[in-house]
Amino acid sequence: MLLDLKLPYVMGLDVLKWIRQQPGLPAIVVILSSSKAEEDIVTAYRLGANGYLVKPPDSGKLLDMAKSIKDFWLTQNIPPPESPEKEVAADQTHRTRRETLEEIMRI
């Protein structure tokens, strides 16, 4: 799951905290934010973020980052057996390239 810190009605860190309190929700949460503030980074990891990425200002670089995220988490990464991430990765392999690209473009 990609999570931004600056959401319209709630702070992303509050959402992360809530996610970590819910059984059965995705175990992988990567923060994708424009904030480089050390306090945000430290708090995100303390609350259980698996990664923290700063959005590049250029849309082309953001697209490259999105593709790298997808490649790492859904193609290269091997989740533990019987994990929700493994089910998500398996579902992703059955999608068409067009569906995947459309999803990436929405990021």
PDB file of N, CA and C in Angstrom:
ATOM      1  N   MET A   1       0.847  -1.155   0.000  1.00  0.00           N
ATOM      2  CA  MET A   1       0.000   0.000   0.000  1.00  0.00           C
ATOM      3  C   MET A   1       0.901   1.230   0.000  1.00  0.00           C
ATOM      4  N   LEU A   2       0.599   2.175  -0.880  1.00  0.00           N
ATOM      5  CA  LEU A   2       1.282   3.461  -0.872  1.00  0.00           C
ATOM      6  C   LEU A   2       0.411   4.445  -0.109  1.00  0.00           C
ATOM      7  N   LEU A   3       1.022   5.212   0.765  1.00  0.00           N
ATOM      8  CA  LEU A   3       0.276   6.140   1.615  1.00  0.00           C
ATOM      9  C   LEU A   3       0.956   7.495   1.618  1.00  0.00           C
ATOM     10  N   ASP A   4       0.190   8.532   1.335  1.00  0.00           N
ATOM     11  CA  ASP A   4       0.691   9.906   1.400  1.00  0.00           C
ATOM     12  C   ASP A   4       0.436  10.445   2.801  1.00  0.00           C
ATOM     13  N   LEU A   5       1.280  11.341   3.259  1.00  0.00           N
ATOM     14  CA  LEU A   5       1.089  11.927   4.586  1.00  0.00           C
ATOM     15  C   LEU A   5       0.030  13.022   4.587  1.00  0.00           C
ATOM     16  N   LYS A   6      -0.099  13.710   3.473  1.00  0.00           N
ATOM     17  CA  LYS A   6      -1.021  14.845   3.406  1.00  0.00           C
ATOM     18  C   LYS A   6      -2.284  14.442   2.648  1.00  0.00           C
ATOM     19  N   LEU A   7      -3.271  13.998   3.402  1.00  0.00           N
ATOM     20  CA  LEU A   7      -4.554  13.581   2.839  1.00  0.00           C
ATOM     21  C   LEU A   7      -5.588  14.664   3.125  1.00  0.00           C
ATOM     22  N   PRO A   8      -6.689  14.695   2.367  1.00  0.00           N
ATOM     23  CA  PRO A   8      -7.656  15.787   2.518  1.00  0.00           C
ATOM     24  C   PRO A   8      -8.279  15.940   3.908  1.00  0.00           C
ATOM     25  N   TYR A   9      -8.674  14.860   4.557  1.00  0.00           N
ATOM     26  CA  TYR A   9      -9.431  14.989   5.808  1.00  0.00           C
ATOM     27  C   TYR A   9      -8.745  14.389   7.029  1.00  0.00           C
ATOM     28  N   VAL A  10      -7.633  13.711   6.805  1.00  0.00           N
ATOM     29  CA  VAL A  10      -6.935  13.053   7.909  1.00  0.00           C
ATOM     30  C   VAL A  10      -5.448  13.004   7.565  1.00  0.00           C
ATOM     31  N   MET A  11      -4.624  13.005   8.575  1.00  0.00           N
ATOM     32  CA  MET A  11      -3.180  12.911   8.350  1.00  0.00           C
ATOM     33  C   MET A  11      -2.801  11.460   8.025  1.00  0.00           C
ATOM     34  N   GLY A  12      -1.891  11.294   7.086  1.00  0.00           N
ATOM     35  CA  GLY A  12      -1.453   9.966   6.691  1.00  0.00           C
ATOM     36  C   GLY A  12      -0.851   9.166   7.832  1.00  0.00           C
ATOM     37  N   LEU A  13      -0.171   9.850   8.758  1.00  0.00           N
ATOM     38  CA  LEU A  13       0.399   9.132   9.902  1.00  0.00           C
ATOM     39  C   LEU A  13      -0.698   8.546  10.787  1.00  0.00           C
ATOM     40  N   ASP A  14      -1.838   9.245  10.876  1.00  0.00           N
ATOM     41  CA  ASP A  14      -2.977   8.691  11.624  1.00  0.00           C
ATOM     42  C   ASP A  14      -3.539   7.463  10.907  1.00  0.00           C
ATOM     43  N   VAL A  15      -3.562   7.510   9.587  1.00  0.00           N
ATOM     44  CA  VAL A  15      -4.031   6.363   8.805  1.00  0.00           C
ATOM     45  C   VAL A  15      -3.079   5.184   9.005  1.00  0.00           C
ATOM     46  N   LEU A  16      -1.775   5.446   8.979  1.00  0.00           N
ATOM     47  CA  LEU A  16      -0.782   4.389   9.204  1.00  0.00           C
ATOM     48  C   LEU A  16      -0.970   3.753  10.576  1.00  0.00           C
ATOM     49  N   LYS A  17      -1.149   4.571  11.582  1.00  0.00           N
ATOM     50  CA  LYS A  17      -1.376   4.051  12.931  1.00  0.00           C
ATOM     51  C   LYS A  17      -2.626   3.164  12.957  1.00  0.00           C
ATOM     52  N   TRP A  18      -3.699   3.619  12.317  1.00  0.00           N
ATOM     53  CA  TRP A  18      -4.943   2.845  12.263  1.00  0.00           C
ATOM     54  C   TRP A  18      -4.724   1.525  11.520  1.00  0.00           C
ATOM     55  N   ILE A  19      -4.012   1.581  10.385  1.00  0.00           N
ATOM     56  CA  ILE A  19      -3.743   0.367   9.603  1.00  0.00           C
ATOM     57  C   ILE A  19      -3.038  -0.674  10.466  1.00  0.00           C
ATOM     58  N   ARG A  20      -2.043  -0.235  11.214  1.00  0.00           N
ATOM     59  CA  ARG A  20      -1.270  -1.164  12.035  1.00  0.00           C
ATOM     60  C   ARG A  20      -2.087  -1.759  13.176  1.00  0.00           C
ATOM     61  N   GLN A  21      -3.220  -1.149  13.507  1.00  0.00           N
ATOM     62  CA  GLN A  21      -4.090  -1.683  14.563  1.00  0.00           C
ATOM     63  C   GLN A  21      -5.136  -2.646  14.018  1.00  0.00           C
ATOM     64  N   GLN A  22      -5.245  -2.760  12.679  1.00  0.00           N
ATOM     65  CA  GLN A  22      -6.263  -3.600  12.057  1.00  0.00           C
ATOM     66  C   GLN A  22      -5.682  -4.936  11.623  1.00  0.00           C
ATOM     67  N   PRO A  23      -6.222  -6.033  12.146  1.00  0.00           N
ATOM     68  CA  PRO A  23      -5.747  -7.343  11.687  1.00  0.00           C
ATOM     69  C   PRO A  23      -6.215  -7.596  10.248  1.00  0.00           C
ATOM     70  N   GLY A  24      -5.374  -8.208   9.463  1.00  0.00           N
ATOM     71  CA  GLY A  24      -5.763  -8.598   8.108  1.00  0.00           C
ATOM     72  C   GLY A  24      -5.559  -7.549   7.040  1.00  0.00           C
ATOM     73  N   LEU A  25      -5.111  -6.364   7.383  1.00  0.00           N
ATOM     74  CA  LEU A  25      -4.832  -5.360   6.362  1.00  0.00           C
ATOM     75  C   LEU A  25      -3.421  -5.560   5.836  1.00  0.00           C
ATOM     76  N   PRO A  26      -3.107  -5.000   4.659  1.00  0.00           N
ATOM     77  CA  PRO A  26      -1.781  -5.234   4.074  1.00  0.00           C
ATOM     78  C   PRO A  26      -0.642  -4.924   5.048  1.00  0.00           C
ATOM     79  N   ALA A  27       0.315  -5.822   5.068  1.00  0.00           N
ATOM     80  CA  ALA A  27       1.433  -5.652   5.988  1.00  0.00           C
ATOM     81  C   ALA A  27       2.465  -4.670   5.449  1.00  0.00           C
ATOM     82  N   ILE A  28       2.485  -4.448   4.141  1.00  0.00           N
ATOM     83  CA  ILE A  28       3.466  -3.539   3.558  1.00  0.00           C
ATOM     84  C   ILE A  28       2.822  -2.182   3.319  1.00  0.00           C
ATOM     85  N   VAL A  29       3.373  -1.183   3.998  1.00  0.00           N
ATOM     86  CA  VAL A  29       2.912   0.192   3.811  1.00  0.00           C
ATOM     87  C   VAL A  29       4.144   1.046   3.537  1.00  0.00           C
ATOM     88  N   VAL A  30       4.180   1.646   2.356  1.00  0.00           N
ATOM     89  CA  VAL A  30       5.271   2.527   1.965  1.00  0.00           C
ATOM     90  C   VAL A  30       4.726   3.944   1.906  1.00  0.00           C
ATOM     91  N   ILE A  31       5.388   4.855   2.604  1.00  0.00           N
ATOM     92  CA  ILE A  31       5.001   6.261   2.570  1.00  0.00           C
ATOM     93  C   ILE A  31       5.589   6.879   1.310  1.00  0.00           C
ATOM     94  N   LEU A  32       4.753   7.570   0.559  1.00  0.00           N
ATOM     95  CA  LEU A  32       5.164   8.308  -0.634  1.00  0.00           C
ATOM     96  C   LEU A  32       4.690   9.732  -0.420  1.00  0.00           C
ATOM     97  N   SER A  33       5.605  10.602  -0.035  1.00  0.00           N
ATOM     98  CA  SER A  33       5.227  11.935   0.406  1.00  0.00           C
ATOM     99  C   SER A  33       6.161  12.990  -0.162  1.00  0.00           C
ATOM    100  N   SER A  34       5.694  14.222  -0.170  1.00  0.00           N
ATOM    101  CA  SER A  34       6.557  15.333  -0.563  1.00  0.00           C
ATOM    102  C   SER A  34       7.373  15.834   0.625  1.00  0.00           C
ATOM    103  N   SER A  35       7.056  15.368   1.825  1.00  0.00           N
ATOM    104  CA  SER A  35       7.737  15.822   3.035  1.00  0.00           C
ATOM    105  C   SER A  35       9.097  15.152   3.206  1.00  0.00           C
ATOM    106  N   LYS A  36      10.114  15.988   3.412  1.00  0.00           N
ATOM    107  CA  LYS A  36      11.453  15.495   3.739  1.00  0.00           C
ATOM    108  C   LYS A  36      11.758  15.718   5.223  1.00  0.00           C
ATOM    109  N   ALA A  37      10.753  16.139   5.967  1.00  0.00           N
ATOM    110  CA  ALA A  37      10.958  16.472   7.382  1.00  0.00           C
ATOM    111  C   ALA A  37      11.383  15.236   8.170  1.00  0.00           C
ATOM    112  N   GLU A  38      12.488  15.360   8.896  1.00  0.00           N
ATOM    113  CA  GLU A  38      13.006  14.238   9.672  1.00  0.00           C
ATOM    114  C   GLU A  38      11.957  13.722  10.654  1.00  0.00           C
ATOM    115  N   GLU A  39      11.192  14.620  11.244  1.00  0.00           N
ATOM    116  CA  GLU A  39      10.155  14.212  12.195  1.00  0.00           C
ATOM    117  C   GLU A  39       9.121  13.302  11.528  1.00  0.00           C
ATOM    118  N   ASP A  40       8.711  13.618  10.290  1.00  0.00           N
ATOM    119  CA  ASP A  40       7.751  12.772   9.565  1.00  0.00           C
ATOM    120  C   ASP A  40       8.350  11.398   9.284  1.00  0.00           C
ATOM    121  N   ILE A  41       9.609  11.388   8.871  1.00  0.00           N
ATOM    122  CA  ILE A  41      10.274  10.129   8.528  1.00  0.00           C
ATOM    123  C   ILE A  41      10.412   9.240   9.769  1.00  0.00           C
ATOM    124  N   VAL A  42      10.901   9.816  10.854  1.00  0.00           N
ATOM    125  CA  VAL A  42      11.077   9.063  12.093  1.00  0.00           C
ATOM    126  C   VAL A  42       9.736   8.528  12.596  1.00  0.00           C
ATOM    127  N   THR A  43       8.709   9.386  12.578  1.00  0.00           N
ATOM    128  CA  THR A  43       7.382   8.967  13.061  1.00  0.00           C
ATOM    129  C   THR A  43       6.797   7.868  12.186  1.00  0.00           C
ATOM    130  N   ALA A  44       6.962   7.992  10.874  1.00  0.00           N
ATOM    131  CA  ALA A  44       6.432   6.969   9.964  1.00  0.00           C
ATOM    132  C   ALA A  44       7.040   5.603  10.267  1.00  0.00           C
ATOM    133  N   TYR A  45       8.352   5.566  10.433  1.00  0.00           N
ATOM    134  CA  TYR A  45       8.989   4.287  10.751  1.00  0.00           C
ATOM    135  C   TYR A  45       8.599   3.786  12.140  1.00  0.00           C
ATOM    136  N   ARG A  46       8.480   4.700  13.079  1.00  0.00           N
ATOM    137  CA  ARG A  46       8.078   4.301  14.438  1.00  0.00           C
ATOM    138  C   ARG A  46       6.676   3.693  14.431  1.00  0.00           C
ATOM    139  N   LEU A  47       5.803   4.191  13.552  1.00  0.00           N
ATOM    140  CA  LEU A  47       4.437   3.681  13.469  1.00  0.00           C
ATOM    141  C   LEU A  47       4.312   2.439  12.586  1.00  0.00           C
ATOM    142  N   GLY A  48       5.422   1.999  11.989  1.00  0.00           N
ATOM    143  CA  GLY A  48       5.394   0.740  11.261  1.00  0.00           C
ATOM    144  C   GLY A  48       5.480   0.823   9.755  1.00  0.00           C
ATOM    145  N   ALA A  49       5.872   1.965   9.192  1.00  0.00           N
ATOM    146  CA  ALA A  49       6.056   2.041   7.746  1.00  0.00           C
ATOM    147  C   ALA A  49       7.186   1.111   7.327  1.00  0.00           C
ATOM    148  N   ASN A  50       7.031   0.498   6.167  1.00  0.00           N
ATOM    149  CA  ASN A  50       8.071  -0.386   5.644  1.00  0.00           C
ATOM    150  C   ASN A  50       9.085   0.373   4.795  1.00  0.00           C
ATOM    151  N   GLY A  51       8.718   1.568   4.379  1.00  0.00           N
ATOM    152  CA  GLY A  51       9.607   2.387   3.566  1.00  0.00           C
ATOM    153  C   GLY A  51       9.094   3.809   3.538  1.00  0.00           C
ATOM    154  N   TYR A  52       9.970   4.737   3.183  1.00  0.00           N
ATOM    155  CA  TYR A  52       9.602   6.149   3.109  1.00  0.00           C
ATOM    156  C   TYR A  52      10.283   6.717   1.878  1.00  0.00           C
ATOM    157  N   LEU A  53       9.485   7.146   0.925  1.00  0.00           N
ATOM    158  CA  LEU A  53       9.996   7.713  -0.316  1.00  0.00           C
ATOM    159  C   LEU A  53       9.506   9.143  -0.461  1.00  0.00           C
ATOM    160  N   VAL A  54      10.396  10.021  -0.921  1.00  0.00           N
ATOM    161  CA  VAL A  54      10.025  11.412  -1.158  1.00  0.00           C
ATOM    162  C   VAL A  54       9.695  11.561  -2.643  1.00  0.00           C
ATOM    163  N   LYS A  55       8.504  12.098  -2.910  1.00  0.00           N
ATOM    164  CA  LYS A  55       8.068  12.287  -4.293  1.00  0.00           C
ATOM    165  C   LYS A  55       9.001  13.259  -5.004  1.00  0.00           C
ATOM    166  N   PRO A  56       9.476  12.878  -6.171  1.00  0.00           N
ATOM    167  CA  PRO A  56      10.269  13.833  -6.951  1.00  0.00           C
ATOM    168  C   PRO A  56       9.337  14.897  -7.550  1.00  0.00           C
ATOM    169  N   PRO A  57       9.843  16.109  -7.754  1.00  0.00           N
ATOM    170  CA  PRO A  57       8.987  17.172  -8.277  1.00  0.00           C
ATOM    171  C   PRO A  57       8.618  16.988  -9.749  1.00  0.00           C
ATOM    172  N   ASP A  58       9.402  16.234 -10.480  1.00  0.00           N
ATOM    173  CA  ASP A  58       9.173  16.020 -11.910  1.00  0.00           C
ATOM    174  C   ASP A  58       8.260  14.817 -12.126  1.00  0.00           C
ATOM    175  N   SER A  59       7.218  14.974 -12.937  1.00  0.00           N
ATOM    176  CA  SER A  59       6.251  13.885 -13.137  1.00  0.00           C
ATOM    177  C   SER A  59       6.884  12.669 -13.808  1.00  0.00           C
ATOM    178  N   GLY A  60       7.856  12.878 -14.684  1.00  0.00           N
ATOM    179  CA  GLY A  60       8.537  11.749 -15.318  1.00  0.00           C
ATOM    180  C   GLY A  60       9.310  10.922 -14.308  1.00  0.00           C
ATOM    181  N   LYS A  61       9.965  11.612 -13.364  1.00  0.00           N
ATOM    182  CA  LYS A  61      10.707  10.901 -12.326  1.00  0.00           C
ATOM    183  C   LYS A  61       9.753  10.194 -11.362  1.00  0.00           C
ATOM    184  N   LEU A  62       8.581  10.794 -11.135  1.00  0.00           N
ATOM    185  CA  LEU A  62       7.575  10.146 -10.289  1.00  0.00           C
ATOM    186  C   LEU A  62       7.085   8.859 -10.955  1.00  0.00           C
ATOM    187  N   LEU A  63       6.872   8.901 -12.246  1.00  0.00           N
ATOM    188  CA  LEU A  63       6.460   7.696 -12.967  1.00  0.00           C
ATOM    189  C   LEU A  63       7.546   6.624 -12.875  1.00  0.00           C
ATOM    190  N   ASP A  64       8.810   7.027 -13.030  1.00  0.00           N
ATOM    191  CA  ASP A  64       9.910   6.069 -12.890  1.00  0.00           C
ATOM    192  C   ASP A  64       9.928   5.464 -11.490  1.00  0.00           C
ATOM    193  N   MET A  65       9.687   6.300 -10.481  1.00  0.00           N
ATOM    194  CA  MET A  65       9.653   5.809  -9.108  1.00  0.00           C
ATOM    195  C   MET A  65       8.513   4.813  -8.925  1.00  0.00           C
ATOM    196  N   ALA A  66       7.340   5.134  -9.474  1.00  0.00           N
ATOM    197  CA  ALA A  66       6.185   4.236  -9.363  1.00  0.00           C
ATOM    198  C   ALA A  66       6.489   2.881 -10.013  1.00  0.00           C
ATOM    199  N   LYS A  67       7.139   2.909 -11.152  1.00  0.00           N
ATOM    200  CA  LYS A  67       7.500   1.660 -11.825  1.00  0.00           C
ATOM    201  C   LYS A  67       8.502   0.865 -10.990  1.00  0.00           C
ATOM    202  N   SER A  68       9.440   1.566 -10.368  1.00  0.00           N
ATOM    203  CA  SER A  68      10.428   0.889  -9.516  1.00  0.00           C
ATOM    204  C   SER A  68       9.767   0.266  -8.297  1.00  0.00           C
ATOM    205  N   ILE A  69       8.810   0.976  -7.720  1.00  0.00           N
ATOM    206  CA  ILE A  69       8.068   0.436  -6.570  1.00  0.00           C
ATOM    207  C   ILE A  69       7.348  -0.840  -6.978  1.00  0.00           C
ATOM    208  N   LYS A  70       6.645  -0.773  -8.096  1.00  0.00           N
ATOM    209  CA  LYS A  70       5.917  -1.936  -8.586  1.00  0.00           C
ATOM    210  C   LYS A  70       6.871  -3.096  -8.856  1.00  0.00           C
ATOM    211  N   ASP A  71       7.977  -2.800  -9.520  1.00  0.00           N
ATOM    212  CA  ASP A  71       8.934  -3.853  -9.850  1.00  0.00           C
ATOM    213  C   ASP A  71       9.486  -4.507  -8.589  1.00  0.00           C
ATOM    214  N   PHE A  72       9.866  -3.702  -7.607  1.00  0.00           N
ATOM    215  CA  PHE A  72      10.435  -4.270  -6.387  1.00  0.00           C
ATOM    216  C   PHE A  72       9.408  -5.078  -5.607  1.00  0.00           C
ATOM    217  N   TRP A  73       8.272  -4.461  -5.248  1.00  0.00           N
ATOM    218  CA  TRP A  73       7.319  -5.105  -4.351  1.00  0.00           C
ATOM    219  C   TRP A  73       6.510  -6.206  -5.010  1.00  0.00           C
ATOM    220  N   LEU A  74       6.217  -6.080  -6.320  1.00  0.00           N
ATOM    221  CA  LEU A  74       5.340  -7.065  -6.963  1.00  0.00           C
ATOM    222  C   LEU A  74       6.073  -8.055  -7.858  1.00  0.00           C
ATOM    223  N   THR A  75       7.337  -7.784  -8.167  1.00  0.00           N
ATOM    224  CA  THR A  75       8.071  -8.690  -9.037  1.00  0.00           C
ATOM    225  C   THR A  75       9.296  -9.280  -8.342  1.00  0.00           C
ATOM    226  N   GLN A  76      10.148  -8.442  -7.778  1.00  0.00           N
ATOM    227  CA  GLN A  76      11.408  -8.899  -7.215  1.00  0.00           C
ATOM    228  C   GLN A  76      11.292  -9.419  -5.780  1.00  0.00           C
ATOM    229  N   ASN A  77      10.479  -8.761  -4.966  1.00  0.00           N
ATOM    230  CA  ASN A  77      10.363  -9.114  -3.551  1.00  0.00           C
ATOM    231  C   ASN A  77       9.699 -10.479  -3.376  1.00  0.00           C
ATOM    232  N   ILE A  78      10.223 -11.265  -2.452  1.00  0.00           N
ATOM    233  CA  ILE A  78       9.611 -12.556  -2.118  1.00  0.00           C
ATOM    234  C   ILE A  78       9.062 -12.432  -0.703  1.00  0.00           C
ATOM    235  N   PRO A  79       7.726 -12.333  -0.575  1.00  0.00           N
ATOM    236  CA  PRO A  79       7.133 -12.222   0.762  1.00  0.00           C
ATOM    237  C   PRO A  79       7.176 -13.566   1.486  1.00  0.00           C
ATOM    238  N   PRO A  80       6.994 -13.542   2.804  1.00  0.00           N
ATOM    239  CA  PRO A  80       6.970 -14.806   3.532  1.00  0.00           C
ATOM    240  C   PRO A  80       5.793 -15.670   3.079  1.00  0.00           C
ATOM    241  N   PRO A  81       5.911 -16.991   3.186  1.00  0.00           N
ATOM    242  CA  PRO A  81       4.796 -17.867   2.801  1.00  0.00           C
ATOM    243  C   PRO A  81       3.525 -17.514   3.586  1.00  0.00           C
ATOM    244  N   GLU A  82       2.383 -17.705   2.929  1.00  0.00           N
ATOM    245  CA  GLU A  82       1.076 -17.498   3.574  1.00  0.00           C
ATOM    246  C   GLU A  82       0.834 -16.046   3.981  1.00  0.00           C
ATOM    247  N   SER A  83       1.445 -15.082   3.278  1.00  0.00           N
ATOM    248  CA  SER A  83       1.246 -13.683   3.636  1.00  0.00           C
ATOM    249  C   SER A  83       0.266 -13.029   2.669  1.00  0.00           C
ATOM    250  N   PRO A  84      -0.450 -11.978   3.127  1.00  0.00           N
ATOM    251  CA  PRO A  84      -1.356 -11.252   2.236  1.00  0.00           C
ATOM    252  C   PRO A  84      -0.620 -10.666   1.037  1.00  0.00           C
ATOM    253  N   GLU A  85       0.666 -10.281   1.202  1.00  0.00           N
ATOM    254  CA  GLU A  85       1.424  -9.709   0.099  1.00  0.00           C
ATOM    255  C   GLU A  85       1.610 -10.713  -1.028  1.00  0.00           C
ATOM    256  N   LYS A  86       1.780 -11.986  -0.659  1.00  0.00           N
ATOM    257  CA  LYS A  86       1.959 -13.018  -1.671  1.00  0.00           C
ATOM    258  C   LYS A  86       0.690 -13.151  -2.515  1.00  0.00           C
ATOM    259  N   GLU A  87      -0.478 -13.051  -1.873  1.00  0.00           N
ATOM    260  CA  GLU A  87      -1.741 -13.108  -2.594  1.00  0.00           C
ATOM    261  C   GLU A  87      -1.878 -11.914  -3.527  1.00  0.00           C
ATOM    262  N   VAL A  88      -1.491 -10.732  -3.078  1.00  0.00           N
ATOM    263  CA  VAL A  88      -1.557  -9.540  -3.924  1.00  0.00           C
ATOM    264  C   VAL A  88      -0.629  -9.702  -5.112  1.00  0.00           C
ATOM    265  N   ALA A  89       0.591 -10.176  -4.884  1.00  0.00           N
ATOM    266  CA  ALA A  89       1.547 -10.370  -5.971  1.00  0.00           C
ATOM    267  C   ALA A  89       1.014 -11.382  -6.980  1.00  0.00           C
ATOM    268  N   ALA A  90       0.398 -12.451  -6.497  1.00  0.00           N
ATOM    269  CA  ALA A  90      -0.168 -13.449  -7.399  1.00  0.00           C
ATOM    270  C   ALA A  90      -1.294 -12.848  -8.232  1.00  0.00           C
ATOM    271  N   ASP A  91      -2.136 -12.033  -7.609  1.00  0.00           N
ATOM    272  CA  ASP A  91      -3.214 -11.374  -8.346  1.00  0.00           C
ATOM    273  C   ASP A  91      -2.649 -10.453  -9.416  1.00  0.00           C
ATOM    274  N   GLN A  92      -1.552  -9.772  -9.125  1.00  0.00           N
ATOM    275  CA  GLN A  92      -0.953  -8.829 -10.069  1.00  0.00           C
ATOM    276  C   GLN A  92      -0.454  -9.539 -11.322  1.00  0.00           C
ATOM    277  N   THR A  93       0.006 -10.781 -11.213  1.00  0.00           N
ATOM    278  CA  THR A  93       0.545 -11.471 -12.377  1.00  0.00           C
ATOM    279  C   THR A  93      -0.546 -11.816 -13.373  1.00  0.00           C
ATOM    280  N   HIS A  94      -1.799 -11.815 -12.955  1.00  0.00           N
ATOM    281  CA  HIS A  94      -2.902 -12.136 -13.842  1.00  0.00           C
ATOM    282  C   HIS A  94      -3.485 -10.903 -14.520  1.00  0.00           C
ATOM    283  N   ARG A  95      -2.988  -9.743 -14.217  1.00  0.00           N
ATOM    284  CA  ARG A  95      -3.488  -8.508 -14.801  1.00  0.00           C
ATOM    285  C   ARG A  95      -2.812  -8.253 -16.138  1.00  0.00           C
ATOM    286  N   THR A  96      -3.498  -7.527 -16.983  1.00  0.00           N
ATOM    287  CA  THR A  96      -2.890  -7.174 -18.255  1.00  0.00           C
ATOM    288  C   THR A  96      -1.898  -6.034 -18.051  1.00  0.00           C
ATOM    289  N   ARG A  97      -1.002  -5.878 -18.991  1.00  0.00           N
ATOM    290  CA  ARG A  97      -0.044  -4.773 -18.916  1.00  0.00           C
ATOM    291  C   ARG A  97      -0.779  -3.433 -18.931  1.00  0.00           C
ATOM    292  N   ARG A  98      -1.854  -3.348 -19.708  1.00  0.00           N
ATOM    293  CA  ARG A  98      -2.610  -2.098 -19.777  1.00  0.00           C
ATOM    294  C   ARG A  98      -3.204  -1.742 -18.412  1.00  0.00           C
ATOM    295  N   GLU A  99      -3.795  -2.725 -17.728  1.00  0.00           N
ATOM    296  CA  GLU A  99      -4.359  -2.469 -16.401  1.00  0.00           C
ATOM    297  C   GLU A  99      -3.275  -1.991 -15.432  1.00  0.00           C
ATOM    298  N   THR A 100      -2.114  -2.624 -15.503  1.00  0.00           N
ATOM    299  CA  THR A 100      -1.019  -2.232 -14.618  1.00  0.00           C
ATOM    300  C   THR A 100      -0.552  -0.817 -14.924  1.00  0.00           C
ATOM    301  N   LEU A 101      -0.383  -0.498 -16.205  1.00  0.00           N
ATOM    302  CA  LEU A 101       0.047   0.853 -16.572  1.00  0.00           C
ATOM    303  C   LEU A 101      -0.993   1.896 -16.178  1.00  0.00           C
ATOM    304  N   GLU A 102      -2.272   1.574 -16.348  1.00  0.00           N
ATOM    305  CA  GLU A 102      -3.323   2.515 -15.943  1.00  0.00           C
ATOM    306  C   GLU A 102      -3.265   2.773 -14.445  1.00  0.00           C
ATOM    307  N   GLU A 103      -2.997   1.724 -13.680  1.00  0.00           N
ATOM    308  CA  GLU A 103      -2.897   1.896 -12.228  1.00  0.00           C
ATOM    309  C   GLU A 103      -1.691   2.768 -11.862  1.00  0.00           C
ATOM    310  N   ILE A 104      -0.567   2.519 -12.512  1.00  0.00           N
ATOM    311  CA  ILE A 104       0.624   3.314 -12.262  1.00  0.00           C
ATOM    312  C   ILE A 104       0.373   4.776 -12.605  1.00  0.00           C
ATOM    313  N   MET A 105      -0.316   5.029 -13.682  1.00  0.00           N
ATOM    314  CA  MET A 105      -0.568   6.404 -14.110  1.00  0.00           C
ATOM    315  C   MET A 105      -1.478   7.142 -13.139  1.00  0.00           C
ATOM    316  N   ARG A 106      -2.298   6.420 -12.375  1.00  0.00           N
ATOM    317  CA  ARG A 106      -3.178   7.074 -11.406  1.00  0.00           C
ATOM    318  C   ARG A 106      -2.422   7.532 -10.165  1.00  0.00           C
ATOM    319  N   ILE A 107      -1.218   7.045  -9.955  1.00  0.00           N
ATOM    320  CA  ILE A 107      -0.441   7.380  -8.752  1.00  0.00           C
ATOM    321  C   ILE A 107      -0.052   8.832  -8.774  1.00  0.00           C
TER     322      ILE A 107
END
